[in-house]
Amino acid sequence: MPPDESDGIPPDWDQEEADGFVGQLVLVGITYVEPDGETVTSQVQAWGRIVSATPEGISITCEGKTWEGQTMTLPPDLQAFQPASPGCHTLGSTGETVTDPDLTTRWTVTEAAKS
């Protein structure tokens, strides 16, 4: 049985921890796969600042060549954000270099099966 989310707040949500994410520079990687869960169809890389972290989602104002000025909202899963290693990180998709990001997060999106 799924956890009770009747109040709209995800289980294990910690608003104090979430508030600490706001202002952090984050690298985002999203991999899209076919319904088999194995075949990669595309990959997206973006980066920016976390502007809000609520039970509805974690919003990032993107920077860089491709996504600048756009807002990306990711699911409200604080455990999906990990400390980034210091130094320069080069995005394979754009060639951009991001120096000393605070966090990284990676997501996999499985496409729906076609009927």
PDB file of N, CA and C in Angstrom:
ATOM      1  N   MET A   1       0.852  -1.176   0.000  1.00  0.00           N
ATOM      2  CA  MET A   1       0.000   0.000   0.000  1.00  0.00           C
ATOM      3  C   MET A   1       0.898   1.240   0.000  1.00  0.00           C
ATOM      4  N   PRO A   2       0.589   2.246  -0.842  1.00  0.00           N
ATOM      5  CA  PRO A   2       1.431   3.446  -0.889  1.00  0.00           C
ATOM      6  C   PRO A   2       1.344   4.239   0.399  1.00  0.00           C
ATOM      7  N   PRO A   3       2.388   5.028   0.694  1.00  0.00           N
ATOM      8  CA  PRO A   3       2.357   5.858   1.898  1.00  0.00           C
ATOM      9  C   PRO A   3       1.204   6.847   1.843  1.00  0.00           C
ATOM     10  N   ASP A   4       0.735   7.247   3.005  1.00  0.00           N
ATOM     11  CA  ASP A   4      -0.372   8.199   3.091  1.00  0.00           C
ATOM     12  C   ASP A   4       0.119   9.595   2.741  1.00  0.00           C
ATOM     13  N   GLU A   5      -0.401  10.135   1.644  1.00  0.00           N
ATOM     14  CA  GLU A   5      -0.080  11.495   1.240  1.00  0.00           C
ATOM     15  C   GLU A   5      -1.358  12.328   1.202  1.00  0.00           C
ATOM     16  N   SER A   6      -2.323  11.963   2.038  1.00  0.00           N
ATOM     17  CA  SER A   6      -3.622  12.627   1.989  1.00  0.00           C
ATOM     18  C   SER A   6      -3.539  14.110   2.304  1.00  0.00           C
ATOM     19  N   ASP A   7      -2.496  14.536   3.009  1.00  0.00           N
ATOM     20  CA  ASP A   7      -2.353  15.961   3.307  1.00  0.00           C
ATOM     21  C   ASP A   7      -1.571  16.689   2.217  1.00  0.00           C
ATOM     22  N   GLY A   8      -1.157  15.966   1.165  1.00  0.00           N
ATOM     23  CA  GLY A   8      -0.434  16.572   0.060  1.00  0.00           C
ATOM     24  C   GLY A   8       1.058  16.690   0.286  1.00  0.00           C
ATOM     25  N   ILE A   9       1.539  16.306   1.440  1.00  0.00           N
ATOM     26  CA  ILE A   9       2.966  16.399   1.743  1.00  0.00           C
ATOM     27  C   ILE A   9       3.594  15.022   1.542  1.00  0.00           C
ATOM     28  N   PRO A  10       4.656  14.951   0.735  1.00  0.00           N
ATOM     29  CA  PRO A  10       5.304  13.655   0.522  1.00  0.00           C
ATOM     30  C   PRO A  10       5.821  13.080   1.835  1.00  0.00           C
ATOM     31  N   PRO A  11       5.851  11.749   1.947  1.00  0.00           N
ATOM     32  CA  PRO A  11       6.396  11.150   3.162  1.00  0.00           C
ATOM     33  C   PRO A  11       7.853  11.561   3.332  1.00  0.00           C
ATOM     34  N   ASP A  12       8.279  11.713   4.546  1.00  0.00           N
ATOM     35  CA  ASP A  12       9.659  12.081   4.880  1.00  0.00           C
ATOM     36  C   ASP A  12      10.044  13.486   4.428  1.00  0.00           C
ATOM     37  N   TRP A  13       9.074  14.347   4.128  1.00  0.00           N
ATOM     38  CA  TRP A  13       9.387  15.723   3.719  1.00  0.00           C
ATOM     39  C   TRP A  13       9.867  16.507   4.931  1.00  0.00           C
ATOM     40  N   ASP A  14      10.983  17.195   4.786  1.00  0.00           N
ATOM     41  CA  ASP A  14      11.562  18.002   5.855  1.00  0.00           C
ATOM     42  C   ASP A  14      11.721  19.423   5.318  1.00  0.00           C
ATOM     43  N   GLN A  15      10.798  20.305   5.681  1.00  0.00           N
ATOM     44  CA  GLN A  15      10.818  21.659   5.133  1.00  0.00           C
ATOM     45  C   GLN A  15      12.073  22.419   5.540  1.00  0.00           C
ATOM     46  N   GLU A  16      12.566  22.169   6.740  1.00  0.00           N
ATOM     47  CA  GLU A  16      13.790  22.851   7.172  1.00  0.00           C
ATOM     48  C   GLU A  16      14.973  22.456   6.281  1.00  0.00           C
ATOM     49  N   GLU A  17      15.085  21.158   5.990  1.00  0.00           N
ATOM     50  CA  GLU A  17      16.142  20.702   5.079  1.00  0.00           C
ATOM     51  C   GLU A  17      15.929  21.289   3.685  1.00  0.00           C
ATOM     52  N   ALA A  18      14.684  21.288   3.225  1.00  0.00           N
ATOM     53  CA  ALA A  18      14.364  21.823   1.897  1.00  0.00           C
ATOM     54  C   ALA A  18      14.735  23.295   1.789  1.00  0.00           C
ATOM     55  N   ASP A  19      14.473  24.053   2.836  1.00  0.00           N
ATOM     56  CA  ASP A  19      14.809  25.482   2.827  1.00  0.00           C
ATOM     57  C   ASP A  19      16.311  25.698   2.629  1.00  0.00           C
ATOM     58  N   GLY A  20      17.119  24.770   3.110  1.00  0.00           N
ATOM     59  CA  GLY A  20      18.565  24.866   2.941  1.00  0.00           C
ATOM     60  C   GLY A  20      19.022  24.671   1.500  1.00  0.00           C
ATOM     61  N   PHE A  21      18.155  24.120   0.655  1.00  0.00           N
ATOM     62  CA  PHE A  21      18.484  23.922  -0.757  1.00  0.00           C
ATOM     63  C   PHE A  21      18.336  25.212  -1.560  1.00  0.00           C
ATOM     64  N   VAL A  22      17.497  26.115  -1.087  1.00  0.00           N
ATOM     65  CA  VAL A  22      17.213  27.341  -1.835  1.00  0.00           C
ATOM     66  C   VAL A  22      18.495  28.162  -1.969  1.00  0.00           C
ATOM     67  N   GLY A  23      18.772  28.588  -3.190  1.00  0.00           N
ATOM     68  CA  GLY A  23      19.974  29.359  -3.493  1.00  0.00           C
ATOM     69  C   GLY A  23      21.153  28.508  -3.932  1.00  0.00           C
ATOM     70  N   GLN A  24      21.041  27.189  -3.782  1.00  0.00           N
ATOM     71  CA  GLN A  24      22.133  26.294  -4.155  1.00  0.00           C
ATOM     72  C   GLN A  24      22.218  26.159  -5.681  1.00  0.00           C
ATOM     73  N   LEU A  25      23.443  26.039  -6.185  1.00  0.00           N
ATOM     74  CA  LEU A  25      23.692  25.807  -7.604  1.00  0.00           C
ATOM     75  C   LEU A  25      23.668  24.303  -7.839  1.00  0.00           C
ATOM     76  N   VAL A  26      22.834  23.855  -8.785  1.00  0.00           N
ATOM     77  CA  VAL A  26      22.633  22.427  -8.991  1.00  0.00           C
ATOM     78  C   VAL A  26      22.833  22.054 -10.457  1.00  0.00           C
ATOM     79  N   LEU A  27      23.457  20.896 -10.668  1.00  0.00           N
ATOM     80  CA  LEU A  27      23.560  20.283 -11.988  1.00  0.00           C
ATOM     81  C   LEU A  27      22.463  19.237 -12.078  1.00  0.00           C
ATOM     82  N   VAL A  28      21.722  19.231 -13.187  1.00  0.00           N
ATOM     83  CA  VAL A  28      20.602  18.311 -13.368  1.00  0.00           C
ATOM     84  C   VAL A  28      20.860  17.441 -14.593  1.00  0.00           C
ATOM     85  N   GLY A  29      20.698  16.143 -14.437  1.00  0.00           N
ATOM     86  CA  GLY A  29      20.768  15.218 -15.559  1.00  0.00           C
ATOM     87  C   GLY A  29      19.474  14.432 -15.639  1.00  0.00           C
ATOM     88  N   ILE A  30      18.872  14.413 -16.820  1.00  0.00           N
ATOM     89  CA  ILE A  30      17.631  13.655 -17.023  1.00  0.00           C
ATOM     90  C   ILE A  30      17.845  12.722 -18.206  1.00  0.00           C
ATOM     91  N   THR A  31      17.597  11.432 -17.989  1.00  0.00           N
ATOM     92  CA  THR A  31      17.704  10.426 -19.038  1.00  0.00           C
ATOM     93  C   THR A  31      16.307   9.914 -19.348  1.00  0.00           C
ATOM     94  N   TYR A  32      15.957   9.926 -20.626  1.00  0.00           N
ATOM     95  CA  TYR A  32      14.665   9.411 -21.074  1.00  0.00           C
ATOM     96  C   TYR A  32      14.897   8.025 -21.671  1.00  0.00           C
ATOM     97  N   VAL A  33      14.091   7.055 -21.219  1.00  0.00           N
ATOM     98  CA  VAL A  33      14.231   5.687 -21.709  1.00  0.00           C
ATOM     99  C   VAL A  33      12.900   5.179 -22.244  1.00  0.00           C
ATOM    100  N   GLU A  34      13.001   4.190 -23.135  1.00  0.00           N
ATOM    101  CA  GLU A  34      11.812   3.553 -23.690  1.00  0.00           C
ATOM    102  C   GLU A  34      11.116   2.739 -22.597  1.00  0.00           C
ATOM    103  N   PRO A  35       9.890   2.279 -22.870  1.00  0.00           N
ATOM    104  CA  PRO A  35       9.143   1.523 -21.858  1.00  0.00           C
ATOM    105  C   PRO A  35       9.878   0.299 -21.308  1.00  0.00           C
ATOM    106  N   ASP A  36      10.861  -0.216 -22.063  1.00  0.00           N
ATOM    107  CA  ASP A  36      11.612  -1.367 -21.557  1.00  0.00           C
ATOM    108  C   ASP A  36      12.523  -0.999 -20.386  1.00  0.00           C
ATOM    109  N   GLY A  37      12.660   0.317 -20.131  1.00  0.00           N
ATOM    110  CA  GLY A  37      13.479   0.782 -19.025  1.00  0.00           C
ATOM    111  C   GLY A  37      14.974   0.719 -19.286  1.00  0.00           C
ATOM    112  N   GLU A  38      15.362   0.301 -20.469  1.00  0.00           N
ATOM    113  CA  GLU A  38      16.775   0.107 -20.800  1.00  0.00           C
ATOM    114  C   GLU A  38      17.256   1.007 -21.940  1.00  0.00           C
ATOM    115  N   THR A  39      16.454   1.125 -22.985  1.00  0.00           N
ATOM    116  CA  THR A  39      16.880   1.824 -24.194  1.00  0.00           C
ATOM    117  C   THR A  39      16.779   3.329 -24.008  1.00  0.00           C
ATOM    118  N   VAL A  40      17.926   4.000 -24.045  1.00  0.00           N
ATOM    119  CA  VAL A  40      17.969   5.453 -23.861  1.00  0.00           C
ATOM    120  C   VAL A  40      17.544   6.129 -25.157  1.00  0.00           C
ATOM    121  N   THR A  41      16.576   7.044 -25.046  1.00  0.00           N
ATOM    122  CA  THR A  41      16.126   7.795 -26.222  1.00  0.00           C
ATOM    123  C   THR A  41      16.730   9.188 -26.272  1.00  0.00           C
ATOM    124  N   SER A  42      16.992   9.782 -25.115  1.00  0.00           N
ATOM    125  CA  SER A  42      17.639  11.095 -25.090  1.00  0.00           C
ATOM    126  C   SER A  42      18.120  11.399 -23.676  1.00  0.00           C
ATOM    127  N   GLN A  43      18.997  12.385 -23.607  1.00  0.00           N
ATOM    128  CA  GLN A  43      19.502  12.850 -22.319  1.00  0.00           C
ATOM    129  C   GLN A  43      19.520  14.369 -22.329  1.00  0.00           C
ATOM    130  N   VAL A  44      19.217  14.950 -21.183  1.00  0.00           N
ATOM    131  CA  VAL A  44      19.188  16.398 -21.023  1.00  0.00           C
ATOM    132  C   VAL A  44      20.069  16.748 -19.834  1.00  0.00           C
ATOM    133  N   GLN A  45      20.856  17.796 -19.994  1.00  0.00           N
ATOM    134  CA  GLN A  45      21.638  18.327 -18.876  1.00  0.00           C
ATOM    135  C   GLN A  45      21.315  19.804 -18.748  1.00  0.00           C
ATOM    136  N   ALA A  46      21.152  20.244 -17.519  1.00  0.00           N
ATOM    137  CA  ALA A  46      20.860  21.651 -17.249  1.00  0.00           C
ATOM    138  C   ALA A  46      21.505  22.018 -15.925  1.00  0.00           C
ATOM    139  N   TRP A  47      21.539  23.321 -15.658  1.00  0.00           N
ATOM    140  CA  TRP A  47      22.081  23.775 -14.378  1.00  0.00           C
ATOM    141  C   TRP A  47      21.450  25.101 -14.028  1.00  0.00           C
ATOM    142  N   GLY A  48      21.415  25.379 -12.736  1.00  0.00           N
ATOM    143  CA  GLY A  48      20.845  26.638 -12.285  1.00  0.00           C
ATOM    144  C   GLY A  48      20.722  26.674 -10.775  1.00  0.00           C
ATOM    145  N   ARG A  49      20.007  27.679 -10.303  1.00  0.00           N
ATOM    146  CA  ARG A  49      19.818  27.897  -8.861  1.00  0.00           C
ATOM    147  C   ARG A  49      18.446  27.400  -8.427  1.00  0.00           C
ATOM    148  N   ILE A  50      18.425  26.742  -7.287  1.00  0.00           N
ATOM    149  CA  ILE A  50      17.150  26.329  -6.701  1.00  0.00           C
ATOM    150  C   ILE A  50      16.494  27.579  -6.127  1.00  0.00           C
ATOM    151  N   VAL A  51      15.267  27.853  -6.582  1.00  0.00           N
ATOM    152  CA  VAL A  51      14.561  29.057  -6.135  1.00  0.00           C
ATOM    153  C   VAL A  51      13.449  28.741  -5.149  1.00  0.00           C
ATOM    154  N   SER A  52      12.985  27.499  -5.127  1.00  0.00           N
ATOM    155  CA  SER A  52      12.004  27.104  -4.114  1.00  0.00           C
ATOM    156  C   SER A  52      12.041  25.596  -3.951  1.00  0.00           C
ATOM    157  N   ALA A  53      11.712  25.161  -2.746  1.00  0.00           N
ATOM    158  CA  ALA A  53      11.651  23.737  -2.436  1.00  0.00           C
ATOM    159  C   ALA A  53      10.459  23.541  -1.512  1.00  0.00           C
ATOM    160  N   THR A  54       9.387  23.004  -2.075  1.00  0.00           N
ATOM    161  CA  THR A  54       8.142  22.801  -1.341  1.00  0.00           C
ATOM    162  C   THR A  54       7.663  21.374  -1.566  1.00  0.00           C
ATOM    163  N   PRO A  55       6.654  20.935  -0.836  1.00  0.00           N
ATOM    164  CA  PRO A  55       6.113  19.597  -1.066  1.00  0.00           C
ATOM    165  C   PRO A  55       5.535  19.410  -2.469  1.00  0.00           C
ATOM    166  N   GLU A  56       5.341  20.507  -3.200  1.00  0.00           N
ATOM    167  CA  GLU A  56       4.826  20.411  -4.570  1.00  0.00           C
ATOM    168  C   GLU A  56       5.944  20.179  -5.583  1.00  0.00           C
ATOM    169  N   GLY A  57       7.173  20.508  -5.231  1.00  0.00           N
ATOM    170  CA  GLY A  57       8.286  20.308  -6.152  1.00  0.00           C
ATOM    171  C   GLY A  57       9.452  21.225  -5.838  1.00  0.00           C
ATOM    172  N   ILE A  58      10.569  20.933  -6.473  1.00  0.00           N
ATOM    173  CA  ILE A  58      11.786  21.723  -6.300  1.00  0.00           C
ATOM    174  C   ILE A  58      12.013  22.475  -7.603  1.00  0.00           C
ATOM    175  N   SER A  59      11.952  23.803  -7.535  1.00  0.00           N
ATOM    176  CA  SER A  59      12.035  24.638  -8.733  1.00  0.00           C
ATOM    177  C   SER A  59      13.423  25.235  -8.882  1.00  0.00           C
ATOM    178  N   ILE A  60      13.902  25.184 -10.115  1.00  0.00           N
ATOM    179  CA  ILE A  60      15.237  25.663 -10.459  1.00  0.00           C
ATOM    180  C   ILE A  60      15.100  26.686 -11.576  1.00  0.00           C
ATOM    181  N   THR A  61      15.725  27.854 -11.407  1.00  0.00           N
ATOM    182  CA  THR A  61      15.833  28.804 -12.507  1.00  0.00           C
ATOM    183  C   THR A  61      17.115  28.458 -13.248  1.00  0.00           C
ATOM    184  N   CYS A  62      16.947  28.020 -14.483  1.00  0.00           N
ATOM    185  CA  CYS A  62      18.079  27.520 -15.256  1.00  0.00           C
ATOM    186  C   CYS A  62      18.954  28.647 -15.781  1.00  0.00           C
ATOM    187  N   GLU A  63      20.231  28.322 -15.915  1.00  0.00           N
ATOM    188  CA  GLU A  63      21.226  29.214 -16.493  1.00  0.00           C
ATOM    189  C   GLU A  63      21.868  28.467 -17.659  1.00  0.00           C
ATOM    190  N   GLY A  64      22.722  29.134 -18.395  1.00  0.00           N
ATOM    191  CA  GLY A  64      23.455  28.461 -19.460  1.00  0.00           C
ATOM    192  C   GLY A  64      22.843  28.648 -20.829  1.00  0.00           C
ATOM    193  N   LYS A  65      23.478  28.032 -21.819  1.00  0.00           N
ATOM    194  CA  LYS A  65      23.136  28.231 -23.227  1.00  0.00           C
ATOM    195  C   LYS A  65      21.713  27.812 -23.591  1.00  0.00           C
ATOM    196  N   THR A  66      21.329  26.627 -23.209  1.00  0.00           N
ATOM    197  CA  THR A  66      20.086  26.040 -23.708  1.00  0.00           C
ATOM    198  C   THR A  66      18.857  26.416 -22.898  1.00  0.00           C
ATOM    199  N   TRP A  67      18.962  26.436 -21.598  1.00  0.00           N
ATOM    200  CA  TRP A  67      17.786  26.549 -20.738  1.00  0.00           C
ATOM    201  C   TRP A  67      17.686  27.879 -20.005  1.00  0.00           C
ATOM    202  N   GLU A  68      18.576  28.825 -20.275  1.00  0.00           N
ATOM    203  CA  GLU A  68      18.635  30.074 -19.515  1.00  0.00           C
ATOM    204  C   GLU A  68      17.271  30.745 -19.401  1.00  0.00           C
ATOM    205  N   GLY A  69      16.920  31.089 -18.157  1.00  0.00           N
ATOM    206  CA  GLY A  69      15.674  31.800 -17.875  1.00  0.00           C
ATOM    207  C   GLY A  69      14.458  30.910 -17.701  1.00  0.00           C
ATOM    208  N   GLN A  70      14.566  29.647 -18.069  1.00  0.00           N
ATOM    209  CA  GLN A  70      13.437  28.732 -17.916  1.00  0.00           C
ATOM    210  C   GLN A  70      13.421  28.169 -16.497  1.00  0.00           C
ATOM    211  N   THR A  71      12.231  27.844 -16.032  1.00  0.00           N
ATOM    212  CA  THR A  71      12.088  27.227 -14.720  1.00  0.00           C
ATOM    213  C   THR A  71      11.822  25.746 -14.900  1.00  0.00           C
ATOM    214  N   MET A  72      12.603  24.944 -14.216  1.00  0.00           N
ATOM    215  CA  MET A  72      12.439  23.494 -14.221  1.00  0.00           C
ATOM    216  C   MET A  72      11.953  23.096 -12.837  1.00  0.00           C
ATOM    217  N   THR A  73      10.882  22.325 -12.772  1.00  0.00           N
ATOM    218  CA  THR A  73      10.389  21.844 -11.485  1.00  0.00           C
ATOM    219  C   THR A  73      10.530  20.331 -11.443  1.00  0.00           C
ATOM    220  N   LEU A  74      11.244  19.870 -10.437  1.00  0.00           N
ATOM    221  CA  LEU A  74      11.493  18.446 -10.248  1.00  0.00           C
ATOM    222  C   LEU A  74      10.656  17.927  -9.086  1.00  0.00           C
ATOM    223  N   PRO A  75      10.458  16.611  -9.022  1.00  0.00           N
ATOM    224  CA  PRO A  75       9.681  16.042  -7.918  1.00  0.00           C
ATOM    225  C   PRO A  75      10.294  16.393  -6.555  1.00  0.00           C
ATOM    226  N   PRO A  76       9.463  16.438  -5.526  1.00  0.00           N
ATOM    227  CA  PRO A  76       9.925  16.826  -4.187  1.00  0.00           C
ATOM    228  C   PRO A  76      10.623  15.683  -3.447  1.00  0.00           C
ATOM    229  N   ASP A  77      11.744  15.248  -3.984  1.00  0.00           N
ATOM    230  CA  ASP A  77      12.511  14.163  -3.377  1.00  0.00           C
ATOM    231  C   ASP A  77      13.883  14.703  -2.984  1.00  0.00           C
ATOM    232  N   LEU A  78      14.030  15.090  -1.731  1.00  0.00           N
ATOM    233  CA  LEU A  78      15.281  15.689  -1.267  1.00  0.00           C
ATOM    234  C   LEU A  78      16.450  14.713  -1.347  1.00  0.00           C
ATOM    235  N   GLN A  79      16.164  13.417  -1.225  1.00  0.00           N
ATOM    236  CA  GLN A  79      17.229  12.413  -1.262  1.00  0.00           C
ATOM    237  C   GLN A  79      17.851  12.291  -2.651  1.00  0.00           C
ATOM    238  N   ALA A  80      17.190  12.816  -3.671  1.00  0.00           N
ATOM    239  CA  ALA A  80      17.709  12.743  -5.042  1.00  0.00           C
ATOM    240  C   ALA A  80      18.792  13.785  -5.307  1.00  0.00           C
ATOM    241  N   PHE A  81      19.023  14.679  -4.364  1.00  0.00           N
ATOM    242  CA  PHE A  81      20.031  15.727  -4.504  1.00  0.00           C
ATOM    243  C   PHE A  81      21.242  15.356  -3.656  1.00  0.00           C
ATOM    244  N   GLN A  82      22.398  15.310  -4.300  1.00  0.00           N
ATOM    245  CA  GLN A  82      23.630  14.909  -3.629  1.00  0.00           C
ATOM    246  C   GLN A  82      24.649  16.043  -3.701  1.00  0.00           C
ATOM    247  N   PRO A  83      25.539  16.141  -2.716  1.00  0.00           N
ATOM    248  CA  PRO A  83      26.594  17.156  -2.795  1.00  0.00           C
ATOM    249  C   PRO A  83      27.464  16.918  -4.035  1.00  0.00           C
ATOM    250  N   ALA A  84      27.796  17.984  -4.732  1.00  0.00           N
ATOM    251  CA  ALA A  84      28.654  17.884  -5.914  1.00  0.00           C
ATOM    252  C   ALA A  84      30.114  17.906  -5.486  1.00  0.00           C
ATOM    253  N   SER A  85      30.943  17.234  -6.249  1.00  0.00           N
ATOM    254  CA  SER A  85      32.376  17.325  -5.981  1.00  0.00           C
ATOM    255  C   SER A  85      32.862  18.690  -6.453  1.00  0.00           C
ATOM    256  N   PRO A  86      33.804  19.286  -5.722  1.00  0.00           N
ATOM    257  CA  PRO A  86      34.283  20.613  -6.109  1.00  0.00           C
ATOM    258  C   PRO A  86      35.039  20.562  -7.431  1.00  0.00           C
ATOM    259  N   GLY A  87      35.118  21.719  -8.075  1.00  0.00           N
ATOM    260  CA  GLY A  87      35.867  21.812  -9.320  1.00  0.00           C
ATOM    261  C   GLY A  87      34.973  22.132 -10.497  1.00  0.00           C
ATOM    262  N   CYS A  88      35.527  21.940 -11.682  1.00  0.00           N
ATOM    263  CA  CYS A  88      34.817  22.254 -12.923  1.00  0.00           C
ATOM    264  C   CYS A  88      34.110  21.008 -13.445  1.00  0.00           C
ATOM    265  N   HIS A  89      32.865  21.177 -13.826  1.00  0.00           N
ATOM    266  CA  HIS A  89      32.057  20.100 -14.388  1.00  0.00           C
ATOM    267  C   HIS A  89      31.647  20.525 -15.795  1.00  0.00           C
ATOM    268  N   THR A  90      31.970  19.713 -16.789  1.00  0.00           N
ATOM    269  CA  THR A  90      31.623  20.034 -18.169  1.00  0.00           C
ATOM    270  C   THR A  90      30.398  19.230 -18.576  1.00  0.00           C
ATOM    271  N   LEU A  91      29.391  19.925 -19.080  1.00  0.00           N
ATOM    272  CA  LEU A  91      28.176  19.273 -19.540  1.00  0.00           C
ATOM    273  C   LEU A  91      28.418  18.728 -20.943  1.00  0.00           C
ATOM    274  N   GLY A  92      28.242  17.433 -21.095  1.00  0.00           N
ATOM    275  CA  GLY A  92      28.473  16.798 -22.389  1.00  0.00           C
ATOM    276  C   GLY A  92      27.529  17.281 -23.467  1.00  0.00           C
ATOM    277  N   SER A  93      26.307  17.643 -23.077  1.00  0.00           N
ATOM    278  CA  SER A  93      25.306  18.024 -24.073  1.00  0.00           C
ATOM    279  C   SER A  93      25.533  19.415 -24.643  1.00  0.00           C
ATOM    280  N   THR A  94      26.186  20.304 -23.886  1.00  0.00           N
ATOM    281  CA  THR A  94      26.356  21.684 -24.352  1.00  0.00           C
ATOM    282  C   THR A  94      27.807  22.134 -24.387  1.00  0.00           C
ATOM    283  N   GLY A  95      28.686  21.395 -23.716  1.00  0.00           N
ATOM    284  CA  GLY A  95      30.082  21.798 -23.633  1.00  0.00           C
ATOM    285  C   GLY A  95      30.347  22.874 -22.591  1.00  0.00           C
ATOM    286  N   GLU A  96      29.294  23.324 -21.907  1.00  0.00           N
ATOM    287  CA  GLU A  96      29.456  24.356 -20.878  1.00  0.00           C
ATOM    288  C   GLU A  96      30.216  23.794 -19.680  1.00  0.00           C
ATOM    289  N   THR A  97      30.958  24.666 -19.017  1.00  0.00           N
ATOM    290  CA  THR A  97      31.649  24.298 -17.792  1.00  0.00           C
ATOM    291  C   THR A  97      31.013  25.043 -16.628  1.00  0.00           C
ATOM    292  N   VAL A  98      30.644  24.288 -15.608  1.00  0.00           N
ATOM    293  CA  VAL A  98      30.063  24.855 -14.395  1.00  0.00           C
ATOM    294  C   VAL A  98      31.078  24.629 -13.280  1.00  0.00           C
ATOM    295  N   THR A  99      31.461  25.706 -12.615  1.00  0.00           N
ATOM    296  CA  THR A  99      32.486  25.632 -11.579  1.00  0.00           C
ATOM    297  C   THR A  99      31.863  25.583 -10.187  1.00  0.00           C
ATOM    298  N   ASP A 100      32.284  24.603  -9.426  1.00  0.00           N
ATOM    299  CA  ASP A 100      31.899  24.439  -8.025  1.00  0.00           C
ATOM    300  C   ASP A 100      30.392  24.469  -7.763  1.00  0.00           C
ATOM    301  N   PRO A 101      29.619  23.616  -8.444  1.00  0.00           N
ATOM    302  CA  PRO A 101      28.202  23.532  -8.092  1.00  0.00           C
ATOM    303  C   PRO A 101      28.065  22.971  -6.681  1.00  0.00           C
ATOM    304  N   ASP A 102      26.930  23.245  -6.065  1.00  0.00           N
ATOM    305  CA  ASP A 102      26.681  22.749  -4.710  1.00  0.00           C
ATOM    306  C   ASP A 102      26.117  21.333  -4.714  1.00  0.00           C
ATOM    307  N   LEU A 103      25.234  21.062  -5.676  1.00  0.00           N
ATOM    308  CA  LEU A 103      24.491  19.804  -5.691  1.00  0.00           C
ATOM    309  C   LEU A 103      24.436  19.222  -7.097  1.00  0.00           C
ATOM    310  N   THR A 104      24.161  17.927  -7.163  1.00  0.00           N
ATOM    311  CA  THR A 104      23.836  17.267  -8.426  1.00  0.00           C
ATOM    312  C   THR A 104      22.566  16.453  -8.206  1.00  0.00           C
ATOM    313  N   THR A 105      21.838  16.225  -9.284  1.00  0.00           N
ATOM    314  CA  THR A 105      20.673  15.352  -9.226  1.00  0.00           C
ATOM    315  C   THR A 105      20.506  14.693 -10.585  1.00  0.00           C
ATOM    316  N   ARG A 106      20.127  13.421 -10.567  1.00  0.00           N
ATOM    317  CA  ARG A 106      19.908  12.680 -11.816  1.00  0.00           C
ATOM    318  C   ARG A 106      18.559  11.992 -11.744  1.00  0.00           C
ATOM    319  N   TRP A 107      17.873  12.022 -12.872  1.00  0.00           N
ATOM    320  CA  TRP A 107      16.535  11.447 -12.957  1.00  0.00           C
ATOM    321  C   TRP A 107      16.436  10.595 -14.214  1.00  0.00           C
ATOM    322  N   THR A 108      15.621   9.558 -14.140  1.00  0.00           N
ATOM    323  CA  THR A 108      15.306   8.745 -15.308  1.00  0.00           C
ATOM    324  C   THR A 108      13.802   8.800 -15.514  1.00  0.00           C
ATOM    325  N   VAL A 109      13.407   9.117 -16.736  1.00  0.00           N
ATOM    326  CA  VAL A 109      11.994   9.187 -17.093  1.00  0.00           C
ATOM    327  C   VAL A 109      11.724   8.063 -18.081  1.00  0.00           C
ATOM    328  N   THR A 110      10.794   7.180 -17.733  1.00  0.00           N
ATOM    329  CA  THR A 110      10.429   6.073 -18.608  1.00  0.00           C
ATOM    330  C   THR A 110       9.202   6.462 -19.413  1.00  0.00           C
ATOM    331  N   GLU A 111       9.335   6.380 -20.741  1.00  0.00           N
ATOM    332  CA  GLU A 111       8.222   6.719 -21.618  1.00  0.00           C
ATOM    333  C   GLU A 111       7.095   5.705 -21.438  1.00  0.00           C
ATOM    334  N   ALA A 112       5.870   6.163 -21.633  1.00  0.00           N
ATOM    335  CA  ALA A 112       4.709   5.281 -21.537  1.00  0.00           C
ATOM    336  C   ALA A 112       4.694   4.318 -22.724  1.00  0.00           C
ATOM    337  N   ALA A 113       4.233   3.113 -22.473  1.00  0.00           N
ATOM    338  CA  ALA A 113       4.112   2.135 -23.550  1.00  0.00           C
ATOM    339  C   ALA A 113       3.035   2.579 -24.531  1.00  0.00           C
ATOM    340  N   LYS A 114       3.308   2.369 -25.811  1.00  0.00           N
ATOM    341  CA  LYS A 114       2.324   2.725 -26.840  1.00  0.00           C
ATOM    342  C   LYS A 114       1.346   1.573 -26.987  1.00  0.00           C
ATOM    343  N   SER A 115       0.067   1.929 -27.105  1.00  0.00           N
ATOM    344  CA  SER A 115      -0.928   0.851 -27.232  1.00  0.00           C
ATOM    345  C   SER A 115      -1.362   0.649 -28.652  1.00  0.00           C
TER     346      SER A 115
END
